[in-house]
Amino acid sequence: MDIPNPIVIRSKRKTISLEVKTDASLIIRAPLFVSEEKIYNLFRQKKSWIERTVKKMLYRKNEIPRKMFSEGEDFFFLGKAYCLHVSENGQDEMRIEGDSLVVSRKYLDNPRPVFLQWYFRQAAKVFHERVLWFSSSARVACRSIRISQGRTKWGSCAGQGNLAFNWRLVMAPLHIIDYVVAHEVAHIHERNHSRRFWKKVSELFPEYEVCKKWLRDNGHRLNI
């Protein structure tokens, strides 16, 4: 099978790592001054693992049926499935009503942008609330919160407390969201993945390992 061209990210790290993301892209993280030859040798040594993992990620990507945005279809929000109900009222805004996600038929000519906009709005509310909670617990200041459309990252921390979170996470249960928020808030303290960093994550969110595994196993399902 064809292996995707790797994205090489260099930083002040000490070791080289390989990662196949949920979209089957390949990320190689390497120290600033490591040679291209050394990166290639690792790539060659791990070729069988890369092929297996890319194949698994492509299978996961293709096992989720494409949304049709039709009556009765399930859409997830905060870990719960809501049944889509198409309203004939042309003035209706998209909203949750009981166990239903209600949308006006007038939006269904081009539904995906409308759904994305709704999810972005909900994500902004949820993440602002959870970041406020965890940054207060960690006694750090968050400068800004941005909702992103990235396909390879659930969250990121740039500068001194500029956080970004993937909109797709708002489909996950709240404790999964809390893990990602705790992870990024911890990065305000530690801009790496050292033992001190994971100790900080554990202090903020002790169950982080279970949630980290849940995202690895189920993150590909969080999409429309």
Protein backbone atom coordinates (compact mmCIF):
# COMPACT_ATOMS: atom_id res chain seq x y z
CA MET A 1 0.00 0.00 0.00
CA ASP A 2 1.06 3.62 -0.48
CA ILE A 3 2.47 5.31 2.62
CA PRO A 4 1.68 9.03 2.88
CA ASN A 5 4.56 11.48 2.68
CA PRO A 6 5.49 12.32 6.26
CA ILE A 7 5.12 15.76 7.79
CA VAL A 8 8.39 16.44 9.63
CA ILE A 9 8.16 18.74 12.65
CA ARG A 10 11.43 19.82 14.22
CA SER A 11 11.66 21.21 17.74
CA LYS A 12 13.88 21.31 20.82
CA ARG A 13 13.09 17.71 21.65
CA LYS A 14 15.70 15.02 22.30
CA THR A 15 14.22 12.03 20.47
CA ILE A 16 12.50 11.17 17.17
CA SER A 17 8.92 9.97 17.21
CA LEU A 18 6.44 8.69 14.61
CA GLU A 19 2.70 9.19 14.79
CA VAL A 20 -0.09 8.20 12.41
CA LYS A 21 -3.02 10.58 12.95
CA THR A 22 -6.70 9.67 12.73
CA ASP A 23 -6.84 11.01 9.14
CA ALA A 24 -4.01 8.56 8.22
CA SER A 25 -1.41 11.33 7.88
CA LEU A 26 2.09 10.56 9.14
CA ILE A 27 3.87 12.93 11.54
CA ILE A 28 7.58 12.64 12.34
CA ARG A 29 8.77 14.78 15.26
CA ALA A 30 12.52 15.24 15.40
CA PRO A 31 15.19 17.28 17.19
CA LEU A 32 16.34 20.44 15.41
CA PHE A 33 19.73 19.14 14.30
CA VAL A 34 19.08 15.45 13.59
CA SER A 35 20.10 14.43 10.06
CA GLU A 36 17.69 13.59 7.25
CA GLU A 37 19.47 10.24 6.97
CA LYS A 38 18.64 9.35 10.56
CA ILE A 39 14.99 10.27 10.01
CA TYR A 40 14.89 8.15 6.84
CA ASN A 41 16.47 5.17 8.63
CA LEU A 42 13.81 5.29 11.33
CA PHE A 43 11.12 5.58 8.66
CA ARG A 44 12.53 2.48 6.92
CA GLN A 45 12.82 0.50 10.17
CA LYS A 46 9.21 1.26 11.10
CA LYS A 47 7.77 0.76 7.61
CA SER A 48 5.73 -2.35 8.54
CA TRP A 49 4.25 -0.63 11.61
CA ILE A 50 3.45 2.48 9.56
CA GLU A 51 1.70 0.42 6.87
CA ARG A 52 -0.40 -1.46 9.45
CA THR A 53 -1.35 1.70 11.30
CA VAL A 54 -2.20 3.69 8.15
CA LYS A 55 -4.38 0.79 6.99
CA LYS A 56 -6.18 0.76 10.34
CA MET A 57 -6.77 4.52 10.27
CA LEU A 58 -8.07 4.40 6.69
CA TYR A 59 -10.46 1.60 7.68
CA ARG A 60 -11.72 3.65 10.61
CA LYS A 61 -12.12 6.67 8.40
CA ASN A 62 -14.19 4.73 5.88
CA GLU A 63 -16.30 2.74 8.37
CA ILE A 64 -18.28 5.81 9.42
CA PRO A 65 -21.06 6.42 6.87
CA ARG A 66 -21.30 9.89 5.39
CA LYS A 67 -24.04 12.02 6.95
CA MET A 68 -27.12 12.52 4.80
CA PHE A 69 -28.69 15.20 7.05
CA SER A 70 -32.05 13.45 6.86
CA GLU A 71 -34.95 12.94 9.27
CA GLY A 72 -34.15 10.44 12.02
CA GLU A 73 -30.37 10.51 11.59
CA ASP A 74 -28.31 10.66 14.79
CA PHE A 75 -25.99 13.57 15.62
CA PHE A 76 -23.82 13.60 18.72
CA PHE A 77 -23.47 16.45 21.22
CA LEU A 78 -21.62 16.08 24.55
CA GLY A 79 -21.62 12.31 24.16
CA LYS A 80 -25.36 11.92 23.56
CA ALA A 81 -27.03 10.99 20.28
CA TYR A 82 -29.80 13.37 19.19
CA CYS A 83 -32.27 12.34 16.50
CA LEU A 84 -32.51 14.86 13.67
CA HIS A 85 -35.98 16.34 13.24
CA VAL A 86 -36.66 18.45 10.16
CA SER A 87 -39.05 21.32 10.93
CA GLU A 88 -41.36 22.81 8.33
CA ASN A 89 -41.25 26.17 10.14
CA GLY A 90 -39.00 28.37 8.02
CA GLN A 91 -38.17 30.65 10.97
CA ASP A 92 -36.75 27.94 13.22
CA GLU A 93 -33.16 28.20 14.38
CA MET A 94 -31.24 24.97 14.77
CA ARG A 95 -31.63 23.79 18.36
CA ILE A 96 -31.85 20.84 20.75
CA GLU A 97 -35.36 20.03 21.88
CA GLY A 98 -35.64 17.03 24.21
CA ASP A 99 -33.91 14.13 22.47
CA SER A 100 -34.09 15.81 19.06
CA LEU A 101 -31.84 18.12 17.10
CA VAL A 102 -34.29 20.36 15.25
CA VAL A 103 -33.39 22.05 11.98
CA SER A 104 -35.55 23.96 9.53
CA ARG A 105 -36.02 22.37 6.12
CA LYS A 106 -34.85 25.63 4.52
CA TYR A 107 -31.28 24.82 5.65
CA LEU A 108 -31.12 21.41 4.03
CA ASP A 109 -30.24 22.59 0.52
CA ASN A 110 -26.68 23.05 1.82
CA PRO A 111 -26.77 21.61 5.33
CA ARG A 112 -23.16 20.96 6.31
CA PRO A 113 -22.12 24.65 6.74
CA VAL A 114 -25.23 25.23 8.87
CA PHE A 115 -24.43 22.25 11.10
CA LEU A 116 -20.78 23.28 11.35
CA GLN A 117 -21.78 26.78 12.42
CA TRP A 118 -24.07 25.36 15.10
CA TYR A 119 -21.37 23.01 16.39
CA PHE A 120 -18.82 25.85 16.42
CA ARG A 121 -21.15 28.00 18.53
CA GLN A 122 -21.76 25.20 21.01
CA ALA A 123 -18.05 24.37 21.17
CA ALA A 124 -17.18 28.00 21.95
CA LYS A 125 -19.59 28.03 24.89
CA VAL A 126 -18.46 24.68 26.28
CA PHE A 127 -14.73 25.32 25.94
CA HIS A 128 -14.88 28.79 27.45
CA GLU A 129 -16.64 27.35 30.49
CA ARG A 130 -14.26 24.40 30.92
CA VAL A 131 -11.11 26.46 30.34
CA LEU A 132 -12.28 28.93 32.98
CA TRP A 133 -12.68 26.06 35.42
CA PHE A 134 -9.32 24.38 34.75
CA SER A 135 -7.26 27.57 34.42
CA SER A 136 -8.66 28.69 37.78
CA SER A 137 -7.74 25.32 39.31
CA ALA A 138 -4.23 25.53 37.80
CA ARG A 139 -3.88 29.21 38.76
CA VAL A 140 -2.85 30.24 35.27
CA ALA A 141 -4.21 32.86 32.87
CA CYS A 142 -5.65 31.92 29.49
CA ARG A 143 -5.29 34.79 27.01
CA SER A 144 -7.58 33.50 24.26
CA ILE A 145 -9.65 30.52 23.19
CA ARG A 146 -10.10 29.63 19.54
CA ILE A 147 -12.23 26.90 17.96
CA SER A 148 -10.38 25.21 15.10
CA GLN A 149 -11.15 22.95 12.14
CA GLY A 150 -7.86 21.08 12.27
CA ARG A 151 -7.90 17.40 11.34
CA THR A 152 -4.82 16.25 13.27
CA LYS A 153 -5.01 18.02 16.64
CA TRP A 154 -7.63 18.00 19.37
CA GLY A 155 -6.09 21.02 21.06
CA SER A 156 -3.05 23.26 21.12
CA CYS A 157 -1.37 25.86 23.30
CA ALA A 158 0.55 28.71 21.70
CA GLY A 159 2.33 31.63 23.33
CA GLN A 160 1.42 32.37 26.91
CA GLY A 161 -2.02 30.85 27.18
CA ASN A 162 -3.48 31.09 23.68
CA LEU A 163 -5.50 27.89 23.44
CA ALA A 164 -7.26 26.26 20.49
CA PHE A 165 -9.67 23.32 20.46
CA ASN A 166 -11.10 21.21 17.67
CA TRP A 167 -14.83 21.76 17.19
CA ARG A 168 -15.38 18.02 16.76
CA LEU A 169 -14.62 17.46 20.44
CA VAL A 170 -17.97 18.97 21.41
CA MET A 171 -19.52 15.71 20.17
CA ALA A 172 -17.60 13.77 22.84
CA PRO A 173 -18.68 13.20 26.45
CA LEU A 174 -17.83 16.05 28.81
CA HIS A 175 -15.11 14.12 30.65
CA ILE A 176 -13.26 13.65 27.33
CA ILE A 177 -13.48 17.40 26.71
CA ASP A 178 -12.20 18.00 30.24
CA TYR A 179 -9.15 15.81 29.57
CA VAL A 180 -8.20 17.80 26.47
CA VAL A 181 -8.76 21.12 28.27
CA ALA A 182 -6.65 19.96 31.25
CA HIS A 183 -3.95 18.85 28.80
CA GLU A 184 -3.74 22.25 27.11
CA VAL A 185 -4.00 24.23 30.36
CA ALA A 186 -1.10 22.14 31.70
CA HIS A 187 0.92 23.27 28.67
CA ILE A 188 0.73 26.83 29.97
CA HIS A 189 2.93 25.52 32.81
CA GLU A 190 5.05 23.09 30.77
CA ARG A 191 5.54 23.56 27.00
CA ASN A 192 6.57 19.92 26.46
CA HIS A 193 5.49 16.39 27.31
CA SER A 194 7.95 15.82 30.13
CA ARG A 195 7.23 13.98 33.38
CA ARG A 196 6.50 17.31 35.00
CA PHE A 197 3.91 18.01 32.32
CA TRP A 198 2.08 14.71 32.81
CA LYS A 199 2.25 15.19 36.57
CA LYS A 200 0.45 18.53 36.10
CA VAL A 201 -2.17 16.91 33.86
CA SER A 202 -2.69 14.22 36.52
CA GLU A 203 -3.18 16.87 39.19
CA LEU A 204 -5.80 18.64 37.09
CA PHE A 205 -7.49 15.51 35.73
CA PRO A 206 -6.49 12.20 37.38
CA GLU A 207 -8.42 10.00 34.90
CA TYR A 208 -6.53 11.36 31.89
CA GLU A 209 -5.12 8.00 30.71
CA VAL A 210 -8.59 6.47 30.24
CA CYS A 211 -9.74 9.51 28.26
CA LYS A 212 -6.58 9.56 26.18
CA LYS A 213 -7.27 5.95 25.16
CA TRP A 214 -10.94 6.76 24.45
CA LEU A 215 -9.87 9.46 21.99
CA ARG A 216 -7.43 7.10 20.26
CA ASP A 217 -10.17 4.49 19.85
CA ASN A 218 -13.15 6.73 19.10
CA GLY A 219 -11.86 10.09 17.85
CA HIS A 220 -12.49 9.10 14.23
CA ARG A 221 -16.23 8.89 15.01
CA LEU A 222 -16.44 12.55 15.98
CA ASN A 223 -17.37 14.06 12.66
CA ILE A 224 -20.26 14.98 10.43
